[in-house]
Every structure is written in structure tokens, then in C-alpha cells.
Amino acid sequence: MLDDYIENNEYLYRGIVKQLWDFENNRPSSAIYKDSKGVSVDRDAGRSERDCVIFLLDKRDFFAVGKVLTKDVRILNAVVKYLPVEHNIYHSEIHDSDNNVRLRGRKPARIRDKTIIIH
């Protein structure tokens, strides 16, 4: 198990399916950060960027992979929670607040704008 607290300097990795890619603007749609069950991400937990990407791609054939700094998510008043699941000790989620799971308003677009596409 990892520390429950995700440090501000940790990156959060998000796999992106082709259906959520905005080809006109050559970037992911803000919909990559819209999920009523919480936005699933993998924290880096000290792993290299390469290892994080390989781990994500081993789970699913994503069209792209992006990363966003935990600090940037928190600055936008979203909450990052460490929620490991079976077969993935890195699993975490981005929530709107401690009381609301689904990101509201402009948060999904603002987090998308802070996301760096790395694969």
C-alpha cells in the first residue's frame, strides 16, 4: 500500500480513448474529466513516466495518455483521492469536492487544459 496522501508534485495519469479525442483541436475533449463515478487516474507514486504509461497501456489500448500535476488539480478546487483497487495499487480519483463526485462547471475543461499529452 502507498501513502494515502498524494503529494502536490505527483502526476496523475489518465488514459484517453479515441472517442474522447477532439481531432479538430488536436487535444482531448474535456469529457475525459467527466464521470459520475469519479475520474479514474493512476498516481505516479515515484515511478518513471515510462513505467506509468506502460502500466496504463497494459490495462487497455488507449488512444493517448495524459498527465496532470496534482497541485494543478487542487488549485482548481478539485479533490484527489487515493482509492486503490484490486490489481491496481496506483488507482486514484479526481472528485469535484469531498461531497460531490462528478466534476462540475468548467473544472473538467480547466483540468484538461493543464493536462500534458505524453503518448
N, C-alpha and C. Protein backbone atom coordinates (compact mmCIF):
# COMPACT_ATOMS: atom_id res chain seq x y z
N MET A 1 0.83 -1.19 0.00
CA MET A 1 0.00 0.00 0.00
C MET A 1 0.87 1.25 0.00
N LEU A 2 0.37 2.26 -0.64
CA LEU A 2 1.06 3.54 -0.70
C LEU A 2 0.48 4.48 0.34
N ASP A 3 1.16 5.60 0.56
CA ASP A 3 0.66 6.63 1.46
C ASP A 3 -0.69 7.13 0.94
N ASP A 4 -1.65 7.31 1.81
CA ASP A 4 -2.98 7.78 1.41
C ASP A 4 -2.97 9.18 0.82
N TYR A 5 -2.02 10.00 1.28
CA TYR A 5 -1.97 11.38 0.79
C TYR A 5 -1.14 11.43 -0.50
N ILE A 6 -1.70 12.02 -1.53
CA ILE A 6 -1.00 12.20 -2.79
C ILE A 6 -0.36 13.59 -2.76
N GLU A 7 0.94 13.62 -2.88
CA GLU A 7 1.70 14.87 -2.80
C GLU A 7 1.40 15.77 -4.01
N ASN A 8 1.52 17.07 -3.82
CA ASN A 8 1.26 18.04 -4.88
C ASN A 8 2.17 17.85 -6.09
N ASN A 9 3.37 17.30 -5.90
CA ASN A 9 4.29 17.14 -7.02
C ASN A 9 4.13 15.80 -7.75
N GLU A 10 3.14 15.01 -7.38
CA GLU A 10 2.87 13.76 -8.09
C GLU A 10 2.00 14.03 -9.31
N TYR A 11 2.32 13.32 -10.39
CA TYR A 11 1.47 13.40 -11.58
C TYR A 11 0.37 12.36 -11.49
N LEU A 12 -0.76 12.70 -12.09
CA LEU A 12 -1.90 11.80 -12.22
C LEU A 12 -2.02 11.47 -13.71
N TYR A 13 -2.03 10.19 -14.03
CA TYR A 13 -2.06 9.74 -15.42
C TYR A 13 -3.46 9.29 -15.81
N ARG A 14 -3.90 9.71 -16.99
CA ARG A 14 -5.25 9.40 -17.46
C ARG A 14 -5.16 8.82 -18.86
N GLY A 15 -5.71 7.62 -19.03
CA GLY A 15 -5.82 7.03 -20.36
C GLY A 15 -6.98 7.67 -21.11
N ILE A 16 -6.78 7.89 -22.40
CA ILE A 16 -7.78 8.59 -23.21
C ILE A 16 -8.19 7.71 -24.38
N VAL A 17 -9.48 7.43 -24.49
CA VAL A 17 -9.99 6.64 -25.61
C VAL A 17 -10.21 7.55 -26.82
N LYS A 18 -10.17 6.96 -28.00
CA LYS A 18 -10.27 7.71 -29.25
C LYS A 18 -11.56 8.52 -29.35
N GLN A 19 -12.65 7.98 -28.79
CA GLN A 19 -13.94 8.65 -28.85
C GLN A 19 -13.95 9.98 -28.10
N LEU A 20 -12.99 10.18 -27.20
CA LEU A 20 -12.93 11.41 -26.42
C LEU A 20 -11.79 12.33 -26.87
N TRP A 21 -11.32 12.10 -28.09
CA TRP A 21 -10.28 12.97 -28.65
C TRP A 21 -10.93 14.00 -29.56
N ASP A 22 -10.60 15.25 -29.38
CA ASP A 22 -11.10 16.36 -30.21
C ASP A 22 -10.11 16.55 -31.36
N PHE A 23 -10.39 15.90 -32.49
CA PHE A 23 -9.47 15.93 -33.63
C PHE A 23 -9.36 17.33 -34.24
N GLU A 24 -10.44 18.08 -34.20
CA GLU A 24 -10.42 19.43 -34.76
C GLU A 24 -9.40 20.32 -34.06
N ASN A 25 -9.29 20.17 -32.74
CA ASN A 25 -8.36 20.99 -31.96
C ASN A 25 -7.10 20.22 -31.52
N ASN A 26 -6.99 18.98 -31.97
CA ASN A 26 -5.86 18.11 -31.66
C ASN A 26 -5.54 18.06 -30.16
N ARG A 27 -6.57 17.74 -29.39
CA ARG A 27 -6.43 17.60 -27.94
C ARG A 27 -7.60 16.76 -27.43
N PRO A 28 -7.49 16.29 -26.20
CA PRO A 28 -8.63 15.53 -25.66
C PRO A 28 -9.81 16.45 -25.39
N SER A 29 -10.98 15.89 -25.47
CA SER A 29 -12.20 16.60 -25.09
C SER A 29 -12.19 16.76 -23.57
N SER A 30 -12.88 17.77 -23.08
CA SER A 30 -12.99 17.94 -21.63
C SER A 30 -13.77 16.77 -21.01
N ALA A 31 -14.45 15.99 -21.84
CA ALA A 31 -15.21 14.84 -21.36
C ALA A 31 -14.31 13.79 -20.70
N ILE A 32 -12.99 13.85 -20.93
CA ILE A 32 -12.11 12.88 -20.27
C ILE A 32 -12.13 13.08 -18.75
N TYR A 33 -12.59 14.23 -18.31
CA TYR A 33 -12.69 14.50 -16.88
C TYR A 33 -14.13 14.62 -16.41
N LYS A 34 -15.03 13.93 -17.10
CA LYS A 34 -16.43 13.89 -16.69
C LYS A 34 -16.84 12.44 -16.46
N ASP A 35 -17.12 12.11 -15.23
CA ASP A 35 -17.56 10.76 -14.90
C ASP A 35 -18.34 10.83 -13.59
N SER A 36 -19.55 10.37 -13.61
CA SER A 36 -20.41 10.45 -12.43
C SER A 36 -19.92 9.54 -11.30
N LYS A 37 -19.01 8.61 -11.62
CA LYS A 37 -18.47 7.71 -10.60
C LYS A 37 -17.10 8.15 -10.11
N GLY A 38 -16.62 9.29 -10.61
CA GLY A 38 -15.29 9.77 -10.26
C GLY A 38 -14.33 9.55 -11.42
N VAL A 39 -13.46 10.49 -11.65
CA VAL A 39 -12.50 10.40 -12.76
C VAL A 39 -11.34 9.53 -12.32
N SER A 40 -11.20 8.39 -12.97
CA SER A 40 -10.17 7.43 -12.63
C SER A 40 -8.82 7.85 -13.20
N VAL A 41 -7.81 7.89 -12.34
CA VAL A 41 -6.44 8.22 -12.74
C VAL A 41 -5.50 7.28 -11.99
N ASP A 42 -4.27 7.21 -12.46
CA ASP A 42 -3.22 6.49 -11.73
C ASP A 42 -2.20 7.50 -11.24
N ARG A 43 -1.89 7.47 -9.97
CA ARG A 43 -0.86 8.35 -9.42
C ARG A 43 0.51 7.80 -9.78
N ASP A 44 1.50 8.67 -9.87
CA ASP A 44 2.82 8.16 -10.26
C ASP A 44 3.53 7.41 -9.14
N ALA A 45 3.34 7.82 -7.89
CA ALA A 45 3.92 7.12 -6.74
C ALA A 45 5.43 6.87 -6.90
N GLY A 46 6.12 7.84 -7.50
CA GLY A 46 7.57 7.73 -7.64
C GLY A 46 8.05 6.93 -8.84
N ARG A 47 7.11 6.43 -9.66
CA ARG A 47 7.51 5.67 -10.86
C ARG A 47 7.93 6.63 -11.97
N SER A 48 8.69 6.13 -12.92
CA SER A 48 9.06 6.94 -14.08
C SER A 48 7.84 7.13 -14.97
N GLU A 49 7.88 8.18 -15.77
CA GLU A 49 6.79 8.43 -16.71
C GLU A 49 6.57 7.23 -17.62
N ARG A 50 7.66 6.66 -18.09
CA ARG A 50 7.59 5.49 -18.98
C ARG A 50 6.86 4.33 -18.30
N ASP A 51 7.21 4.05 -17.05
CA ASP A 51 6.56 2.96 -16.32
C ASP A 51 5.07 3.23 -16.11
N CYS A 52 4.72 4.47 -15.86
CA CYS A 52 3.31 4.84 -15.68
C CYS A 52 2.52 4.60 -16.97
N VAL A 53 3.09 4.99 -18.09
CA VAL A 53 2.41 4.82 -19.38
C VAL A 53 2.27 3.34 -19.71
N ILE A 54 3.34 2.58 -19.54
CA ILE A 54 3.29 1.14 -19.83
C ILE A 54 2.23 0.45 -18.96
N PHE A 55 2.17 0.81 -17.68
CA PHE A 55 1.18 0.22 -16.78
C PHE A 55 -0.24 0.49 -17.27
N LEU A 56 -0.50 1.72 -17.70
CA LEU A 56 -1.83 2.08 -18.22
C LEU A 56 -2.15 1.33 -19.50
N LEU A 57 -1.18 1.28 -20.41
CA LEU A 57 -1.42 0.64 -21.71
C LEU A 57 -1.55 -0.87 -21.60
N ASP A 58 -0.99 -1.45 -20.54
CA ASP A 58 -1.16 -2.88 -20.32
C ASP A 58 -2.59 -3.23 -19.93
N LYS A 59 -3.31 -2.25 -19.34
CA LYS A 59 -4.68 -2.47 -18.90
C LYS A 59 -5.68 -2.31 -20.05
N ARG A 60 -5.35 -1.41 -20.99
CA ARG A 60 -6.30 -1.09 -22.06
C ARG A 60 -5.57 -0.42 -23.21
N ASP A 61 -6.09 -0.57 -24.39
CA ASP A 61 -5.48 0.02 -25.57
C ASP A 61 -5.98 1.46 -25.74
N PHE A 62 -5.35 2.38 -25.02
CA PHE A 62 -5.77 3.78 -25.07
C PHE A 62 -5.23 4.46 -26.32
N PHE A 63 -5.97 5.43 -26.81
CA PHE A 63 -5.56 6.25 -27.95
C PHE A 63 -4.43 7.18 -27.56
N ALA A 64 -4.49 7.70 -26.34
CA ALA A 64 -3.48 8.63 -25.83
C ALA A 64 -3.42 8.50 -24.32
N VAL A 65 -2.36 9.05 -23.75
CA VAL A 65 -2.20 9.10 -22.30
C VAL A 65 -1.77 10.52 -21.95
N GLY A 66 -2.43 11.08 -20.94
CA GLY A 66 -2.09 12.42 -20.48
C GLY A 66 -1.73 12.39 -19.00
N LYS A 67 -1.06 13.44 -18.57
CA LYS A 67 -0.73 13.57 -17.15
C LYS A 67 -1.02 14.99 -16.71
N VAL A 68 -1.44 15.10 -15.45
CA VAL A 68 -1.72 16.40 -14.86
C VAL A 68 -1.13 16.39 -13.45
N LEU A 69 -0.56 17.49 -13.05
CA LEU A 69 0.05 17.62 -11.74
C LEU A 69 -1.04 17.73 -10.67
N THR A 70 -0.89 16.99 -9.59
CA THR A 70 -1.86 17.01 -8.51
C THR A 70 -2.09 18.44 -8.02
N LYS A 71 -1.03 19.21 -7.90
CA LYS A 71 -1.15 20.60 -7.44
C LYS A 71 -2.09 21.39 -8.35
N ASP A 72 -2.00 21.19 -9.66
CA ASP A 72 -2.86 21.91 -10.61
C ASP A 72 -4.33 21.53 -10.43
N VAL A 73 -4.59 20.28 -10.10
CA VAL A 73 -5.97 19.84 -9.85
C VAL A 73 -6.50 20.50 -8.58
N ARG A 74 -5.69 20.53 -7.56
CA ARG A 74 -6.12 21.13 -6.28
C ARG A 74 -6.30 22.64 -6.40
N ILE A 75 -5.46 23.31 -7.17
CA ILE A 75 -5.60 24.76 -7.38
C ILE A 75 -6.96 25.07 -7.99
N LEU A 76 -7.49 24.13 -8.79
CA LEU A 76 -8.80 24.32 -9.43
C LEU A 76 -9.94 23.86 -8.52
N ASN A 77 -9.63 23.66 -7.25
CA ASN A 77 -10.62 23.28 -6.23
C ASN A 77 -11.28 21.93 -6.46
N ALA A 78 -10.53 21.01 -7.04
CA ALA A 78 -10.98 19.63 -7.14
C ALA A 78 -10.22 18.82 -6.09
N VAL A 79 -10.73 17.64 -5.79
CA VAL A 79 -10.17 16.80 -4.75
C VAL A 79 -9.56 15.55 -5.39
N VAL A 80 -8.36 15.20 -4.96
CA VAL A 80 -7.69 13.99 -5.44
C VAL A 80 -7.71 12.97 -4.31
N LYS A 81 -8.24 11.78 -4.60
CA LYS A 81 -8.35 10.74 -3.58
C LYS A 81 -7.61 9.49 -4.03
N TYR A 82 -6.86 8.93 -3.11
CA TYR A 82 -6.18 7.66 -3.35
C TYR A 82 -7.17 6.54 -3.03
N LEU A 83 -7.55 5.77 -4.07
CA LEU A 83 -8.55 4.72 -3.92
C LEU A 83 -8.08 3.45 -4.63
N PRO A 84 -7.10 2.75 -4.08
CA PRO A 84 -6.58 1.56 -4.75
C PRO A 84 -7.66 0.51 -4.96
N VAL A 85 -7.52 -0.24 -6.04
CA VAL A 85 -8.45 -1.33 -6.35
C VAL A 85 -7.63 -2.60 -6.58
N GLU A 86 -8.31 -3.71 -6.62
CA GLU A 86 -7.63 -4.97 -6.89
C GLU A 86 -6.89 -4.87 -8.22
N HIS A 87 -5.67 -5.29 -8.26
CA HIS A 87 -4.80 -5.27 -9.45
C HIS A 87 -4.29 -3.89 -9.83
N ASN A 88 -4.57 -2.85 -9.01
CA ASN A 88 -4.02 -1.53 -9.32
C ASN A 88 -3.86 -0.71 -8.03
N ILE A 89 -2.66 -0.79 -7.47
CA ILE A 89 -2.40 -0.05 -6.23
C ILE A 89 -2.25 1.45 -6.48
N TYR A 90 -2.16 1.88 -7.75
CA TYR A 90 -1.97 3.29 -8.09
C TYR A 90 -3.29 4.02 -8.33
N HIS A 91 -4.38 3.28 -8.41
CA HIS A 91 -5.68 3.87 -8.76
C HIS A 91 -6.07 4.97 -7.79
N SER A 92 -6.46 6.09 -8.37
CA SER A 92 -6.92 7.26 -7.62
C SER A 92 -8.07 7.87 -8.39
N GLU A 93 -8.72 8.84 -7.81
CA GLU A 93 -9.83 9.51 -8.49
C GLU A 93 -9.79 11.01 -8.23
N ILE A 94 -10.30 11.74 -9.21
CA ILE A 94 -10.49 13.18 -9.08
C ILE A 94 -11.98 13.41 -8.88
N HIS A 95 -12.32 14.09 -7.78
CA HIS A 95 -13.72 14.42 -7.47
C HIS A 95 -13.89 15.93 -7.43
N ASP A 96 -15.12 16.37 -7.55
CA ASP A 96 -15.42 17.79 -7.50
C ASP A 96 -15.13 18.37 -6.12
N SER A 97 -15.52 17.62 -5.10
CA SER A 97 -15.32 18.07 -3.71
C SER A 97 -15.40 16.84 -2.81
N ASP A 98 -15.28 17.05 -1.52
CA ASP A 98 -15.43 15.93 -0.60
C ASP A 98 -16.85 15.36 -0.62
N ASN A 99 -17.82 16.19 -1.02
CA ASN A 99 -19.23 15.76 -1.00
C ASN A 99 -19.79 15.41 -2.38
N ASN A 100 -19.16 15.88 -3.45
CA ASN A 100 -19.65 15.65 -4.81
C ASN A 100 -18.58 14.96 -5.65
N VAL A 101 -18.98 13.90 -6.31
CA VAL A 101 -18.03 13.12 -7.12
C VAL A 101 -17.81 13.75 -8.48
N ARG A 102 -18.89 13.96 -9.24
CA ARG A 102 -18.78 14.45 -10.61
C ARG A 102 -18.27 15.89 -10.66
N LEU A 103 -17.25 16.11 -11.47
CA LEU A 103 -16.71 17.47 -11.63
C LEU A 103 -17.76 18.36 -12.26
N ARG A 104 -17.90 19.56 -11.73
CA ARG A 104 -18.94 20.49 -12.19
C ARG A 104 -18.35 21.70 -12.89
N GLY A 105 -19.23 22.38 -13.61
CA GLY A 105 -18.87 23.64 -14.25
C GLY A 105 -17.71 23.51 -15.22
N ARG A 106 -16.76 24.43 -15.10
CA ARG A 106 -15.61 24.50 -16.02
C ARG A 106 -14.43 23.64 -15.55
N LYS A 107 -14.55 22.97 -14.41
CA LYS A 107 -13.44 22.18 -13.89
C LYS A 107 -12.90 21.16 -14.89
N PRO A 108 -13.78 20.37 -15.55
CA PRO A 108 -13.24 19.39 -16.50
C PRO A 108 -12.39 20.04 -17.61
N ALA A 109 -12.86 21.16 -18.15
CA ALA A 109 -12.11 21.84 -19.21
C ALA A 109 -10.82 22.45 -18.67
N ARG A 110 -10.87 22.99 -17.48
CA ARG A 110 -9.67 23.61 -16.90
C ARG A 110 -8.62 22.56 -16.55
N ILE A 111 -9.05 21.41 -16.05
CA ILE A 111 -8.09 20.33 -15.78
C ILE A 111 -7.54 19.79 -17.10
N ARG A 112 -8.40 19.65 -18.10
CA ARG A 112 -7.94 19.22 -19.43
C ARG A 112 -6.87 20.18 -19.95
N ASP A 113 -7.06 21.48 -19.76
CA ASP A 113 -6.11 22.46 -20.25
C ASP A 113 -4.75 22.37 -19.54
N LYS A 114 -4.74 21.82 -18.33
CA LYS A 114 -3.49 21.63 -17.58
C LYS A 114 -2.84 20.28 -17.90
N THR A 115 -3.55 19.44 -18.63
CA THR A 115 -3.07 18.10 -18.93
C THR A 115 -2.04 18.13 -20.05
N ILE A 116 -0.97 17.38 -19.86
CA ILE A 116 0.10 17.25 -20.85
C ILE A 116 -0.04 15.89 -21.52
N ILE A 117 -0.18 15.87 -22.82
CA ILE A 117 -0.27 14.61 -23.55
C ILE A 117 1.15 14.07 -23.73
N ILE A 118 1.35 12.83 -23.28
CA ILE A 118 2.70 12.27 -23.33
C ILE A 118 2.79 11.03 -24.21
N HIS A 119 1.66 10.50 -24.63
CA HIS A 119 1.67 9.32 -25.50
C HIS A 119 0.48 9.39 -26.44
